[in-house]
C-alpha atoms as a PDB file:
ATOM      1  CA  UNK A   1     124.202  -6.138 157.434  1.00  0.00           C
ATOM      2  CA  UNK A   2     123.793  -9.881 157.754  1.00  0.00           C
ATOM      3  CA  UNK A   3     120.389 -11.551 157.315  1.00  0.00           C
ATOM      4  CA  UNK A   4     118.832 -13.063 160.313  1.00  0.00           C
ATOM      5  CA  UNK A   5     119.396 -16.834 160.500  1.00  0.00           C
ATOM      6  CA  UNK A   6     118.873 -19.733 162.863  1.00  0.00           C
ATOM      7  CA  UNK A   7     122.623 -20.475 163.132  1.00  0.00           C
ATOM      8  CA  UNK A   8     124.576 -19.600 166.292  1.00  0.00           C
ATOM      9  CA  UNK A   9     126.469 -16.351 166.280  1.00  0.00           C
ATOM     10  CA  UNK A  10     130.186 -16.074 166.955  1.00  0.00           C
ATOM     11  CA  UNK A  11     130.445 -13.702 170.025  1.00  0.00           C
ATOM     12  CA  UNK A  12     133.914 -12.486 168.855  1.00  0.00           C
ATOM     13  CA  UNK A  13     132.515 -11.618 165.463  1.00  0.00           C
ATOM     14  CA  UNK A  14     129.555  -9.840 167.088  1.00  0.00           C
ATOM     15  CA  UNK A  15     131.915  -7.960 169.308  1.00  0.00           C
ATOM     16  CA  UNK A  16     133.980  -6.776 166.398  1.00  0.00           C
ATOM     17  CA  UNK A  17     130.847  -5.417 164.736  1.00  0.00           C
ATOM     18  CA  UNK A  18     129.490  -3.519 167.857  1.00  0.00           C
ATOM     19  CA  UNK A  19     128.791   0.179 167.449  1.00  0.00           C
ATOM     20  CA  UNK A  20     129.032   3.059 169.851  1.00  0.00           C
ATOM     21  CA  UNK A  21     126.601   3.961 172.559  1.00  0.00           C
ATOM     22  CA  UNK A  22     125.658   6.999 170.552  1.00  0.00           C
ATOM     23  CA  UNK A  23     124.832   4.850 167.560  1.00  0.00           C
ATOM     24  CA  UNK A  24     122.551   2.683 169.593  1.00  0.00           C
ATOM     25  CA  UNK A  25     120.979   5.639 171.270  1.00  0.00           C
ATOM     26  CA  UNK A  26     120.088   7.256 167.959  1.00  0.00           C
ATOM     27  CA  UNK A  27     118.795   4.051 166.599  1.00  0.00           C
ATOM     28  CA  UNK A  28     116.539   3.491 169.576  1.00  0.00           C
ATOM     29  CA  UNK A  29     115.321   7.102 169.215  1.00  0.00           C
ATOM     30  CA  UNK A  30     114.471   6.543 165.612  1.00  0.00           C
ATOM     31  CA  UNK A  31     112.505   3.346 166.399  1.00  0.00           C
ATOM     32  CA  UNK A  32     110.842   5.160 169.404  1.00  0.00           C
ATOM     33  CA  UNK A  33     109.785   8.009 167.123  1.00  0.00           C
ATOM     34  CA  UNK A  34     108.358   5.579 164.653  1.00  0.00           C
ATOM     35  CA  UNK A  35     106.686   3.591 167.476  1.00  0.00           C
ATOM     36  CA  UNK A  36     103.905   6.261 167.785  1.00  0.00           C
ATOM     37  CA  UNK A  37     100.798   5.439 165.805  1.00  0.00           C
ATOM     38  CA  UNK A  38     100.225   9.136 164.831  1.00  0.00           C
ATOM     39  CA  UNK A  39     103.835   9.534 163.698  1.00  0.00           C
ATOM     40  CA  UNK A  40     103.642   6.413 161.639  1.00  0.00           C
ATOM     41  CA  UNK A  41     100.466   7.661 159.985  1.00  0.00           C
ATOM     42  CA  UNK A  42     102.323  10.974 159.162  1.00  0.00           C
ATOM     43  CA  UNK A  43     105.290   9.110 157.758  1.00  0.00           C
ATOM     44  CA  UNK A  44     103.021   6.927 155.700  1.00  0.00           C
ATOM     45  CA  UNK A  45     101.294  10.040 154.318  1.00  0.00           C
ATOM     46  CA  UNK A  46     104.607  11.650 153.472  1.00  0.00           C
ATOM     47  CA  UNK A  47     105.850   8.533 151.762  1.00  0.00           C
ATOM     48  CA  UNK A  48     103.338   9.538 149.048  1.00  0.00           C
ATOM     49  CA  UNK A  49     104.685  12.990 148.614  1.00  0.00           C
ATOM     50  CA  UNK A  50     105.175  16.315 150.323  1.00  0.00           C
ATOM     51  CA  UNK A  51     102.223  17.754 152.283  1.00  0.00           C
ATOM     52  CA  UNK A  52     101.544  20.790 154.473  1.00  0.00           C
ATOM     53  CA  UNK A  53     100.623  20.724 158.132  1.00  0.00           C
ATOM     54  CA  UNK A  54      97.012  21.643 157.132  1.00  0.00           C
ATOM     55  CA  UNK A  55      96.861  18.853 154.553  1.00  0.00           C
ATOM     56  CA  UNK A  56      98.214  16.231 157.001  1.00  0.00           C
ATOM     57  CA  UNK A  57      95.815  17.477 159.705  1.00  0.00           C
ATOM     58  CA  UNK A  58      92.770  17.120 157.427  1.00  0.00           C
ATOM     59  CA  UNK A  59      93.963  13.784 155.908  1.00  0.00           C
ATOM     60  CA  UNK A  60      94.447  12.252 159.404  1.00  0.00           C
ATOM     61  CA  UNK A  61      91.715  13.959 161.312  1.00  0.00           C
ATOM     62  CA  UNK A  62      94.235  15.467 163.745  1.00  0.00           C
ATOM     63  CA  UNK A  63      94.534  19.000 165.093  1.00  0.00           C
ATOM     64  CA  UNK A  64      97.178  21.187 163.474  1.00  0.00           C
ATOM     65  CA  UNK A  65      99.034  21.710 166.750  1.00  0.00           C
ATOM     66  CA  UNK A  66      99.201  17.874 167.314  1.00  0.00           C
ATOM     67  CA  UNK A  67     100.489  17.383 163.740  1.00  0.00           C
ATOM     68  CA  UNK A  68     103.110  20.204 164.174  1.00  0.00           C
ATOM     69  CA  UNK A  69     104.225  18.604 167.477  1.00  0.00           C
ATOM     70  CA  UNK A  70     104.755  15.249 165.803  1.00  0.00           C
ATOM     71  CA  UNK A  71     106.524  16.806 162.833  1.00  0.00           C
ATOM     72  CA  UNK A  72     108.889  18.572 165.176  1.00  0.00           C
ATOM     73  CA  UNK A  73     109.874  15.345 166.703  1.00  0.00           C
ATOM     74  CA  UNK A  74     110.306  13.740 163.355  1.00  0.00           C
ATOM     75  CA  UNK A  75     112.335  16.672 162.025  1.00  0.00           C
ATOM     76  CA  UNK A  76     114.637  16.720 165.064  1.00  0.00           C
ATOM     77  CA  UNK A  77     115.450  13.080 164.334  1.00  0.00           C
ATOM     78  CA  UNK A  78     115.907  13.875 160.605  1.00  0.00           C
ATOM     79  CA  UNK A  79     113.145  11.531 159.573  1.00  0.00           C
ATOM     80  CA  UNK A  80     111.286  14.385 157.754  1.00  0.00           C
ATOM     81  CA  UNK A  81     112.353  17.604 156.254  1.00  0.00           C
ATOM     82  CA  UNK A  82     110.673  20.891 155.546  1.00  0.00           C
ATOM     83  CA  UNK A  83     110.628  23.115 152.490  1.00  0.00           C
ATOM     84  CA  UNK A  84     109.025  26.545 152.460  1.00  0.00           C
ATOM     85  CA  UNK A  85     107.003  27.716 149.502  1.00  0.00           C
ATOM     86  CA  UNK A  86     105.824  31.203 150.191  1.00  0.00           C
ATOM     87  CA  UNK A  87     104.131  31.101 153.625  1.00  0.00           C
ATOM     88  CA  UNK A  88     103.405  27.441 153.468  1.00  0.00           C
ATOM     89  CA  UNK A  89     105.729  24.697 154.730  1.00  0.00           C
ATOM     90  CA  UNK A  90     105.714  21.399 152.954  1.00  0.00           C
ATOM     91  CA  UNK A  91     107.049  18.373 154.787  1.00  0.00           C
ATOM     92  CA  UNK A  92     108.478  15.225 153.166  1.00  0.00           C
ATOM     93  CA  UNK A  93     110.507  12.201 154.157  1.00  0.00           C
ATOM     94  CA  UNK A  94     114.151  13.156 154.776  1.00  0.00           C
ATOM     95  CA  UNK A  95     115.539  10.340 152.576  1.00  0.00           C
ATOM     96  CA  UNK A  96     115.054   6.914 151.121  1.00  0.00           C
ATOM     97  CA  UNK A  97     116.193   5.180 154.303  1.00  0.00           C
ATOM     98  CA  UNK A  98     112.953   6.235 156.037  1.00  0.00           C
ATOM     99  CA  UNK A  99     110.879   5.050 153.026  1.00  0.00           C
ATOM    100  CA  UNK A 100     112.717   1.702 153.130  1.00  0.00           C
ATOM    101  CA  UNK A 101     112.078   1.332 156.968  1.00  0.00           C
ATOM    102  CA  UNK A 102     108.329   2.047 156.319  1.00  0.00           C
ATOM    103  CA  UNK A 103     108.182  -0.510 153.424  1.00  0.00           C
ATOM    104  CA  UNK A 104     110.000  -3.240 155.364  1.00  0.00           C
ATOM    105  CA  UNK A 105     107.721  -2.643 158.394  1.00  0.00           C
ATOM    106  CA  UNK A 106     104.697  -2.784 156.147  1.00  0.00           C
ATOM    107  CA  UNK A 107     105.952  -6.077 154.637  1.00  0.00           C
ATOM    108  CA  UNK A 108     106.472  -7.461 158.054  1.00  0.00           C
ATOM    109  CA  UNK A 109     102.943  -6.488 159.252  1.00  0.00           C
ATOM    110  CA  UNK A 110     101.388  -7.856 156.089  1.00  0.00           C
ATOM    111  CA  UNK A 111     103.138 -11.198 156.780  1.00  0.00           C
ATOM    112  CA  UNK A 112     101.846 -11.177 160.394  1.00  0.00           C
ATOM    113  CA  UNK A 113      98.279 -10.529 159.148  1.00  0.00           C
ATOM    114  CA  UNK A 114      98.250 -13.604 156.727  1.00  0.00           C
END
């Protein structure tokens, strides 16, 4: 994907690179899911390694039902995945794309705070 610049875009080129409505819908859903402070905290926590619902709940000071609700949303959008170990479910980021989104968002916010 091209880097943002100050130059004027060619509408014909932009038109050729447009994506489907489904693509933009899923992209908007992804950003919407990551637009919730509690879910961003969960994603931040999982960027450091797999955690159980109880561990996330304790770490973030949230109820287990609230954490489970947010994890369900994140799992449905394939932002996190679950792995069972005995009776315990461990959650982790689904792939490196989510980690990169978090890192780039972090860099952006750190620049804003300077």
